[in-house]
Amino acid sequence: MWDTYIYIISHEIKTEIENLKYTNSHIYKYIYLCKYELVFSLKKQNV
């Protein structure tokens, strides 16, 4: 289940990275970083 969840969030992050090319929104970048931290922490727990 966690692998699937991480995969979904990772996919969302990849999409957001693409979107960041077209925006300089600080809020948008903050949301992206929060999701990245979440994925990173989940991966560390599973290792």
N, C-alpha and C. Protein backbone atom coordinates (compact mmCIF):
# COMPACT_ATOMS: atom_id res chain seq x y z
N MET A 1 0.82 -1.20 0.00
CA MET A 1 0.00 0.00 0.00
C MET A 1 0.86 1.26 0.00
N TRP A 2 1.88 1.28 0.85
CA TRP A 2 2.74 2.46 0.91
C TRP A 2 3.47 2.69 -0.41
N ASP A 3 3.89 1.61 -1.05
CA ASP A 3 4.58 1.75 -2.33
C ASP A 3 3.68 2.43 -3.35
N THR A 4 2.42 2.04 -3.35
CA THR A 4 1.46 2.65 -4.28
C THR A 4 1.27 4.11 -3.95
N TYR A 5 1.14 4.40 -2.66
CA TYR A 5 0.95 5.77 -2.21
C TYR A 5 2.14 6.64 -2.59
N ILE A 6 3.33 6.13 -2.36
CA ILE A 6 4.54 6.86 -2.71
C ILE A 6 4.62 7.07 -4.22
N TYR A 7 4.25 6.05 -4.97
CA TYR A 7 4.27 6.17 -6.43
C TYR A 7 3.33 7.28 -6.90
N ILE A 8 2.14 7.32 -6.33
CA ILE A 8 1.16 8.33 -6.72
C ILE A 8 1.68 9.73 -6.39
N ILE A 9 2.21 9.92 -5.19
CA ILE A 9 2.73 11.23 -4.82
C ILE A 9 3.93 11.59 -5.69
N SER A 10 4.78 10.62 -5.96
CA SER A 10 5.95 10.86 -6.80
C SER A 10 5.51 11.33 -8.19
N HIS A 11 4.47 10.73 -8.70
CA HIS A 11 3.95 11.12 -10.01
C HIS A 11 3.42 12.56 -9.96
N GLU A 12 2.74 12.89 -8.87
CA GLU A 12 2.22 14.25 -8.70
C GLU A 12 3.37 15.25 -8.66
N ILE A 13 4.43 14.87 -7.97
CA ILE A 13 5.60 15.76 -7.86
C ILE A 13 6.22 15.98 -9.24
N LYS A 14 6.33 14.92 -10.02
CA LYS A 14 6.89 15.06 -11.37
C LYS A 14 6.05 16.02 -12.20
N THR A 15 4.74 15.92 -12.06
CA THR A 15 3.85 16.83 -12.78
C THR A 15 4.06 18.25 -12.29
N GLU A 16 4.21 18.43 -10.99
CA GLU A 16 4.39 19.76 -10.43
C GLU A 16 5.73 20.36 -10.82
N ILE A 17 6.74 19.51 -10.96
CA ILE A 17 8.04 20.01 -11.41
C ILE A 17 7.89 20.62 -12.79
N GLU A 18 7.11 19.97 -13.65
CA GLU A 18 6.84 20.51 -14.98
C GLU A 18 6.11 21.84 -14.87
N ASN A 19 5.14 21.90 -13.98
CA ASN A 19 4.36 23.13 -13.82
C ASN A 19 5.20 24.26 -13.25
N LEU A 20 6.19 23.94 -12.44
CA LEU A 20 7.03 24.97 -11.84
C LEU A 20 7.82 25.74 -12.89
N LYS A 21 7.99 25.13 -14.05
CA LYS A 21 8.69 25.81 -15.13
C LYS A 21 7.91 27.03 -15.61
N TYR A 22 6.61 27.02 -15.33
CA TYR A 22 5.75 28.08 -15.86
C TYR A 22 5.24 29.03 -14.77
N THR A 23 5.73 28.85 -13.55
CA THR A 23 5.27 29.72 -12.48
C THR A 23 6.38 29.98 -11.48
N ASN A 24 6.29 31.12 -10.81
CA ASN A 24 7.24 31.46 -9.76
C ASN A 24 6.54 31.57 -8.42
N SER A 25 5.39 30.94 -8.33
CA SER A 25 4.59 31.04 -7.11
C SER A 25 5.31 30.40 -5.93
N HIS A 26 5.53 31.19 -4.89
CA HIS A 26 6.19 30.68 -3.68
C HIS A 26 5.31 29.66 -2.97
N ILE A 27 4.02 29.88 -2.99
CA ILE A 27 3.10 28.94 -2.35
C ILE A 27 3.16 27.60 -3.08
N TYR A 28 3.19 27.65 -4.39
CA TYR A 28 3.24 26.42 -5.19
C TYR A 28 4.51 25.64 -4.88
N LYS A 29 5.63 26.35 -4.80
CA LYS A 29 6.90 25.69 -4.50
C LYS A 29 6.88 25.11 -3.09
N TYR A 30 6.22 25.80 -2.17
CA TYR A 30 6.14 25.32 -0.80
C TYR A 30 5.36 24.01 -0.73
N ILE A 31 4.24 23.95 -1.45
CA ILE A 31 3.44 22.72 -1.50
C ILE A 31 4.27 21.58 -2.09
N TYR A 32 4.99 21.89 -3.15
CA TYR A 32 5.84 20.89 -3.78
C TYR A 32 6.87 20.35 -2.80
N LEU A 33 7.52 21.24 -2.07
CA LEU A 33 8.55 20.83 -1.12
C LEU A 33 7.96 19.99 0.00
N CYS A 34 6.77 20.32 0.44
CA CYS A 34 6.12 19.54 1.49
C CYS A 34 5.85 18.11 1.01
N LYS A 35 5.39 17.98 -0.21
CA LYS A 35 5.13 16.65 -0.75
C LYS A 35 6.43 15.88 -0.92
N TYR A 36 7.47 16.57 -1.34
CA TYR A 36 8.76 15.92 -1.52
C TYR A 36 9.27 15.40 -0.18
N GLU A 37 9.14 16.21 0.87
CA GLU A 37 9.57 15.79 2.20
C GLU A 37 8.78 14.57 2.66
N LEU A 38 7.49 14.55 2.36
CA LEU A 38 6.64 13.43 2.75
C LEU A 38 7.09 12.15 2.07
N VAL A 39 7.35 12.21 0.79
CA VAL A 39 7.80 11.03 0.05
C VAL A 39 9.14 10.55 0.60
N PHE A 40 10.03 11.49 0.85
CA PHE A 40 11.36 11.13 1.35
C PHE A 40 11.26 10.44 2.70
N SER A 41 10.43 10.97 3.60
CA SER A 41 10.29 10.37 4.92
C SER A 41 9.64 8.99 4.83
N LEU A 42 8.68 8.83 3.93
CA LEU A 42 8.03 7.53 3.78
C LEU A 42 9.02 6.50 3.24
N LYS A 43 9.85 6.90 2.30
CA LYS A 43 10.83 5.98 1.74
C LYS A 43 11.84 5.57 2.80
N LYS A 44 12.24 6.50 3.65
CA LYS A 44 13.20 6.18 4.71
C LYS A 44 12.61 5.15 5.67
N GLN A 45 11.33 5.27 5.96
CA GLN A 45 10.68 4.33 6.87
C GLN A 45 10.63 2.92 6.29
N ASN A 46 10.52 2.84 4.97
CA ASN A 46 10.37 1.54 4.33
C ASN A 46 11.69 0.84 4.06
N VAL A 47 12.78 1.56 4.16
CA VAL A 47 14.09 0.97 3.88
C VAL A 47 14.48 0.05 5.02
